[in-house]
């Protein structure tokens, strides 16, 4: 999954947060901190997309 395509524009920093994280927990904390600037509904959608992207990337990494 291309994280740049999933998180364009103002959400682009999420790609870096996910890739730089050493654990899923660290990635989730980073995304939550990043999303603090948005209204709750938007933050929830972004976090959901991030969790799906991390799960998809993890599944691909295990198969590769």
PDB file of N, CA and C in Angstrom:
ATOM      1  N   UNK A   1       0.844  -1.172   0.000  1.00  0.00           N
ATOM      2  CA  UNK A   1       0.000   0.000   0.000  1.00  0.00           C
ATOM      3  C   UNK A   1       0.896   1.244   0.000  1.00  0.00           C
ATOM      4  N   UNK A   2       0.598   2.156  -0.886  1.00  0.00           N
ATOM      5  CA  UNK A   2       1.370   3.391  -0.994  1.00  0.00           C
ATOM      6  C   UNK A   2       0.846   4.404   0.014  1.00  0.00           C
ATOM      7  N   UNK A   3       1.590   4.599   1.091  1.00  0.00           N
ATOM      8  CA  UNK A   3       1.149   5.521   2.135  1.00  0.00           C
ATOM      9  C   UNK A   3       1.023   6.948   1.637  1.00  0.00           C
ATOM     10  N   UNK A   4       1.836   7.331   0.665  1.00  0.00           N
ATOM     11  CA  UNK A   4       1.745   8.685   0.119  1.00  0.00           C
ATOM     12  C   UNK A   4       0.398   8.908  -0.561  1.00  0.00           C
ATOM     13  N   UNK A   5      -0.138   7.869  -1.190  1.00  0.00           N
ATOM     14  CA  UNK A   5      -1.439   7.989  -1.845  1.00  0.00           C
ATOM     15  C   UNK A   5      -2.576   8.016  -0.829  1.00  0.00           C
ATOM     16  N   UNK A   6      -2.395   7.303   0.279  1.00  0.00           N
ATOM     17  CA  UNK A   6      -3.436   7.245   1.309  1.00  0.00           C
ATOM     18  C   UNK A   6      -3.496   8.537   2.104  1.00  0.00           C
ATOM     19  N   UNK A   7      -2.340   9.176   2.296  1.00  0.00           N
ATOM     20  CA  UNK A   7      -2.265  10.381   3.121  1.00  0.00           C
ATOM     21  C   UNK A   7      -1.672  11.547   2.333  1.00  0.00           C
ATOM     22  N   UNK A   8      -2.471  12.143   1.432  1.00  0.00           N
ATOM     23  CA  UNK A   8      -1.978  13.264   0.623  1.00  0.00           C
ATOM     24  C   UNK A   8      -2.110  14.603   1.361  1.00  0.00           C
ATOM     25  N   UNK A   9      -1.500  15.597   0.804  1.00  0.00           N
ATOM     26  CA  UNK A   9      -1.689  16.977   1.270  1.00  0.00           C
ATOM     27  C   UNK A   9      -1.364  17.177   2.731  1.00  0.00           C
ATOM     28  N   UNK A  10      -2.310  17.746   3.475  1.00  0.00           N
ATOM     29  CA  UNK A  10      -2.083  18.069   4.883  1.00  0.00           C
ATOM     30  C   UNK A  10      -1.877  16.823   5.737  1.00  0.00           C
ATOM     31  N   UNK A  11      -2.213  15.653   5.201  1.00  0.00           N
ATOM     32  CA  UNK A  11      -2.044  14.408   5.949  1.00  0.00           C
ATOM     33  C   UNK A  11      -0.713  13.718   5.647  1.00  0.00           C
ATOM     34  N   UNK A  12       0.075  14.287   4.752  1.00  0.00           N
ATOM     35  CA  UNK A  12       1.343  13.682   4.340  1.00  0.00           C
ATOM     36  C   UNK A  12       2.279  13.350   5.508  1.00  0.00           C
ATOM     37  N   UNK A  13       2.325  14.150   6.582  1.00  0.00           N
ATOM     38  CA  UNK A  13       3.226  13.798   7.686  1.00  0.00           C
ATOM     39  C   UNK A  13       2.917  12.439   8.335  1.00  0.00           C
ATOM     40  N   UNK A  14       1.701  11.953   8.156  1.00  0.00           N
ATOM     41  CA  UNK A  14       1.350  10.662   8.754  1.00  0.00           C
ATOM     42  C   UNK A  14       2.220   9.550   8.177  1.00  0.00           C
ATOM     43  N   UNK A  15       2.542   9.645   6.914  1.00  0.00           N
ATOM     44  CA  UNK A  15       3.413   8.641   6.290  1.00  0.00           C
ATOM     45  C   UNK A  15       4.736   8.547   7.053  1.00  0.00           C
ATOM     46  N   UNK A  16       5.340   9.686   7.311  1.00  0.00           N
ATOM     47  CA  UNK A  16       6.592   9.719   8.051  1.00  0.00           C
ATOM     48  C   UNK A  16       6.458   9.202   9.471  1.00  0.00           C
ATOM     49  N   UNK A  17       5.345   9.544  10.114  1.00  0.00           N
ATOM     50  CA  UNK A  17       5.103   9.064  11.474  1.00  0.00           C
ATOM     51  C   UNK A  17       5.066   7.542  11.487  1.00  0.00           C
ATOM     52  N   UNK A  18       4.332   6.957  10.548  1.00  0.00           N
ATOM     53  CA  UNK A  18       4.199   5.498  10.493  1.00  0.00           C
ATOM     54  C   UNK A  18       5.549   4.853  10.177  1.00  0.00           C
ATOM     55  N   UNK A  19       6.242   5.366   9.169  1.00  0.00           N
ATOM     56  CA  UNK A  19       7.501   4.748   8.751  1.00  0.00           C
ATOM     57  C   UNK A  19       8.605   4.900   9.793  1.00  0.00           C
ATOM     58  N   UNK A  20       8.592   5.974  10.558  1.00  0.00           N
ATOM     59  CA  UNK A  20       9.634   6.209  11.557  1.00  0.00           C
ATOM     60  C   UNK A  20       9.373   5.491  12.878  1.00  0.00           C
ATOM     61  N   UNK A  21       8.173   4.993  13.063  1.00  0.00           N
ATOM     62  CA  UNK A  21       7.814   4.353  14.327  1.00  0.00           C
ATOM     63  C   UNK A  21       8.469   2.985  14.455  1.00  0.00           C
ATOM     64  N   UNK A  22       8.888   2.680  15.663  1.00  0.00           N
ATOM     65  CA  UNK A  22       9.531   1.393  15.925  1.00  0.00           C
ATOM     66  C   UNK A  22       8.544   0.321  16.369  1.00  0.00           C
ATOM     67  N   UNK A  23       7.302   0.714  16.588  1.00  0.00           N
ATOM     68  CA  UNK A  23       6.273  -0.256  16.986  1.00  0.00           C
ATOM     69  C   UNK A  23       4.915   0.276  16.543  1.00  0.00           C
ATOM     70  N   UNK A  24       3.935  -0.614  16.436  1.00  0.00           N
ATOM     71  CA  UNK A  24       2.583  -0.140  16.111  1.00  0.00           C
ATOM     72  C   UNK A  24       2.054   0.849  17.148  1.00  0.00           C
ATOM     73  N   UNK A  25       2.374   0.609  18.404  1.00  0.00           N
ATOM     74  CA  UNK A  25       1.904   1.497  19.468  1.00  0.00           C
ATOM     75  C   UNK A  25       2.463   2.900  19.301  1.00  0.00           C
ATOM     76  N   UNK A  26       3.756   2.975  18.952  1.00  0.00           N
ATOM     77  CA  UNK A  26       4.386   4.278  18.731  1.00  0.00           C
ATOM     78  C   UNK A  26       3.745   4.992  17.542  1.00  0.00           C
ATOM     79  N   UNK A  27       3.436   4.253  16.493  1.00  0.00           N
ATOM     80  CA  UNK A  27       2.784   4.842  15.320  1.00  0.00           C
ATOM     81  C   UNK A  27       1.405   5.383  15.683  1.00  0.00           C
ATOM     82  N   UNK A  28       0.659   4.619  16.444  1.00  0.00           N
ATOM     83  CA  UNK A  28      -0.684   5.052  16.843  1.00  0.00           C
ATOM     84  C   UNK A  28      -0.604   6.308  17.700  1.00  0.00           C
ATOM     85  N   UNK A  29       0.319   6.329  18.652  1.00  0.00           N
ATOM     86  CA  UNK A  29       0.486   7.538  19.492  1.00  0.00           C
ATOM     87  C   UNK A  29       0.847   8.751  18.636  1.00  0.00           C
ATOM     88  N   UNK A  30       1.729   8.546  17.664  1.00  0.00           N
ATOM     89  CA  UNK A  30       2.129   9.646  16.796  1.00  0.00           C
ATOM     90  C   UNK A  30       0.984  10.165  15.947  1.00  0.00           C
ATOM     91  N   UNK A  31       0.192   9.251  15.403  1.00  0.00           N
ATOM     92  CA  UNK A  31      -0.951   9.664  14.577  1.00  0.00           C
ATOM     93  C   UNK A  31      -1.986  10.379  15.442  1.00  0.00           C
ATOM     94  N   UNK A  32      -2.237   9.870  16.645  1.00  0.00           N
ATOM     95  CA  UNK A  32      -3.194  10.531  17.545  1.00  0.00           C
ATOM     96  C   UNK A  32      -2.713  11.945  17.870  1.00  0.00           C
ATOM     97  N   UNK A  33      -1.427  12.099  18.162  1.00  0.00           N
ATOM     98  CA  UNK A  33      -0.890  13.427  18.467  1.00  0.00           C
ATOM     99  C   UNK A  33      -1.037  14.360  17.262  1.00  0.00           C
ATOM    100  N   UNK A  34      -0.754  13.848  16.067  1.00  0.00           N
ATOM    101  CA  UNK A  34      -0.885  14.652  14.854  1.00  0.00           C
ATOM    102  C   UNK A  34      -2.337  15.088  14.651  1.00  0.00           C
ATOM    103  N   UNK A  35      -3.271  14.195  14.932  1.00  0.00           N
ATOM    104  CA  UNK A  35      -4.691  14.455  14.682  1.00  0.00           C
ATOM    105  C   UNK A  35      -5.334  15.393  15.689  1.00  0.00           C
ATOM    106  N   UNK A  36      -4.620  15.747  16.738  1.00  0.00           N
ATOM    107  CA  UNK A  36      -5.197  16.610  17.774  1.00  0.00           C
ATOM    108  C   UNK A  36      -5.659  17.952  17.216  1.00  0.00           C
ATOM    109  N   UNK A  37      -5.120  18.354  16.087  1.00  0.00           N
ATOM    110  CA  UNK A  37      -5.475  19.662  15.504  1.00  0.00           C
ATOM    111  C   UNK A  37      -6.814  19.648  14.772  1.00  0.00           C
ATOM    112  N   UNK A  38      -7.340  18.465  14.478  1.00  0.00           N
ATOM    113  CA  UNK A  38      -8.571  18.342  13.704  1.00  0.00           C
ATOM    114  C   UNK A  38      -9.776  18.123  14.616  1.00  0.00           C
ATOM    115  N   UNK A  39     -10.955  18.349  14.061  1.00  0.00           N
ATOM    116  CA  UNK A  39     -12.170  18.072  14.827  1.00  0.00           C
ATOM    117  C   UNK A  39     -12.279  16.561  15.044  1.00  0.00           C
ATOM    118  N   UNK A  40     -12.989  16.132  16.097  1.00  0.00           N
ATOM    119  CA  UNK A  40     -13.004  14.715  16.477  1.00  0.00           C
ATOM    120  C   UNK A  40     -13.428  13.747  15.373  1.00  0.00           C
ATOM    121  N   UNK A  41     -14.427  14.089  14.591  1.00  0.00           N
ATOM    122  CA  UNK A  41     -14.875  13.186  13.532  1.00  0.00           C
ATOM    123  C   UNK A  41     -13.802  12.969  12.478  1.00  0.00           C
ATOM    124  N   UNK A  42     -13.134  14.045  12.097  1.00  0.00           N
ATOM    125  CA  UNK A  42     -12.059  13.934  11.104  1.00  0.00           C
ATOM    126  C   UNK A  42     -10.893  13.145  11.692  1.00  0.00           C
ATOM    127  N   UNK A  43     -10.569  13.411  12.949  1.00  0.00           N
ATOM    128  CA  UNK A  43      -9.482  12.677  13.604  1.00  0.00           C
ATOM    129  C   UNK A  43      -9.772  11.181  13.625  1.00  0.00           C
ATOM    130  N   UNK A  44     -11.000  10.811  13.917  1.00  0.00           N
ATOM    131  CA  UNK A  44     -11.376   9.399  13.958  1.00  0.00           C
ATOM    132  C   UNK A  44     -11.220   8.744  12.588  1.00  0.00           C
ATOM    133  N   UNK A  45     -11.621   9.440  11.536  1.00  0.00           N
ATOM    134  CA  UNK A  45     -11.479   8.892  10.181  1.00  0.00           C
ATOM    135  C   UNK A  45     -10.002   8.729   9.797  1.00  0.00           C
ATOM    136  N   UNK A  46      -9.192   9.716  10.153  1.00  0.00           N
ATOM    137  CA  UNK A  46      -7.768   9.642   9.848  1.00  0.00           C
ATOM    138  C   UNK A  46      -7.129   8.481  10.606  1.00  0.00           C
ATOM    139  N   UNK A  47      -7.452   8.343  11.884  1.00  0.00           N
ATOM    140  CA  UNK A  47      -6.893   7.251  12.683  1.00  0.00           C
ATOM    141  C   UNK A  47      -7.324   5.900  12.118  1.00  0.00           C
ATOM    142  N   UNK A  48      -8.569   5.790  11.708  1.00  0.00           N
ATOM    143  CA  UNK A  48      -9.046   4.544  11.102  1.00  0.00           C
ATOM    144  C   UNK A  48      -8.255   4.227   9.822  1.00  0.00           C
ATOM    145  N   UNK A  49      -8.054   5.223   8.985  1.00  0.00           N
ATOM    146  CA  UNK A  49      -7.269   5.018   7.758  1.00  0.00           C
ATOM    147  C   UNK A  49      -5.835   4.610   8.088  1.00  0.00           C
ATOM    148  N   UNK A  50      -5.266   5.233   9.119  1.00  0.00           N
ATOM    149  CA  UNK A  50      -3.890   4.902   9.507  1.00  0.00           C
ATOM    150  C   UNK A  50      -3.799   3.468  10.013  1.00  0.00           C
ATOM    151  N   UNK A  51      -4.767   3.053  10.812  1.00  0.00           N
ATOM    152  CA  UNK A  51      -4.765   1.673  11.314  1.00  0.00           C
ATOM    153  C   UNK A  51      -4.900   0.672  10.176  1.00  0.00           C
ATOM    154  N   UNK A  52      -5.771   0.971   9.226  1.00  0.00           N
ATOM    155  CA  UNK A  52      -5.920   0.084   8.066  1.00  0.00           C
ATOM    156  C   UNK A  52      -4.639   0.035   7.242  1.00  0.00           C
ATOM    157  N   UNK A  53      -3.990   1.168   7.057  1.00  0.00           N
ATOM    158  CA  UNK A  53      -2.740   1.212   6.290  1.00  0.00           C
ATOM    159  C   UNK A  53      -1.647   0.412   6.997  1.00  0.00           C
ATOM    160  N   UNK A  54      -1.555   0.565   8.324  1.00  0.00           N
ATOM    161  CA  UNK A  54      -0.542  -0.179   9.071  1.00  0.00           C
ATOM    162  C   UNK A  54      -0.814  -1.673   8.996  1.00  0.00           C
ATOM    163  N   UNK A  55      -2.075  -2.071   9.109  1.00  0.00           N
ATOM    164  CA  UNK A  55      -2.424  -3.490   9.016  1.00  0.00           C
ATOM    165  C   UNK A  55      -2.097  -4.038   7.629  1.00  0.00           C
ATOM    166  N   UNK A  56      -2.428  -3.284   6.604  1.00  0.00           N
ATOM    167  CA  UNK A  56      -2.156  -3.730   5.238  1.00  0.00           C
ATOM    168  C   UNK A  56      -0.656  -3.845   4.987  1.00  0.00           C
ATOM    169  N   UNK A  57       0.101  -2.860   5.447  1.00  0.00           N
ATOM    170  CA  UNK A  57       1.564  -2.909   5.280  1.00  0.00           C
ATOM    171  C   UNK A  57       2.171  -4.058   6.061  1.00  0.00           C
ATOM    172  N   UNK A  58       1.649  -4.332   7.245  1.00  0.00           N
ATOM    173  CA  UNK A  58       2.140  -5.444   8.044  1.00  0.00           C
ATOM    174  C   UNK A  58       1.859  -6.775   7.368  1.00  0.00           C
ATOM    175  N   UNK A  59       0.687  -6.910   6.771  1.00  0.00           N
ATOM    176  CA  UNK A  59       0.331  -8.142   6.076  1.00  0.00           C
ATOM    177  C   UNK A  59       1.220  -8.352   4.853  1.00  0.00           C
ATOM    178  N   UNK A  60       1.503  -7.282   4.141  1.00  0.00           N
ATOM    179  CA  UNK A  60       2.362  -7.377   2.957  1.00  0.00           C
ATOM    180  C   UNK A  60       3.781  -7.732   3.383  1.00  0.00           C
ATOM    181  N   UNK A  61       4.267  -7.142   4.464  1.00  0.00           N
ATOM    182  CA  UNK A  61       5.623  -7.412   4.937  1.00  0.00           C
ATOM    183  C   UNK A  61       5.778  -8.865   5.358  1.00  0.00           C
ATOM    184  N   UNK A  62       4.742  -9.453   5.945  1.00  0.00           N
ATOM    185  CA  UNK A  62       4.814 -10.845   6.386  1.00  0.00           C
ATOM    186  C   UNK A  62       4.806 -11.809   5.204  1.00  0.00           C
ATOM    187  N   UNK A  63       4.149 -11.441   4.135  1.00  0.00           N
ATOM    188  CA  UNK A  63       4.079 -12.295   2.949  1.00  0.00           C
ATOM    189  C   UNK A  63       5.370 -12.199   2.144  1.00  0.00           C
ATOM    190  N   UNK A  64       5.979 -11.029   2.135  1.00  0.00           N
ATOM    191  CA  UNK A  64       7.188 -10.798   1.317  1.00  0.00           C
ATOM    192  C   UNK A  64       8.376 -11.566   1.836  1.00  0.00           C
TER     193      UNK A  64
END
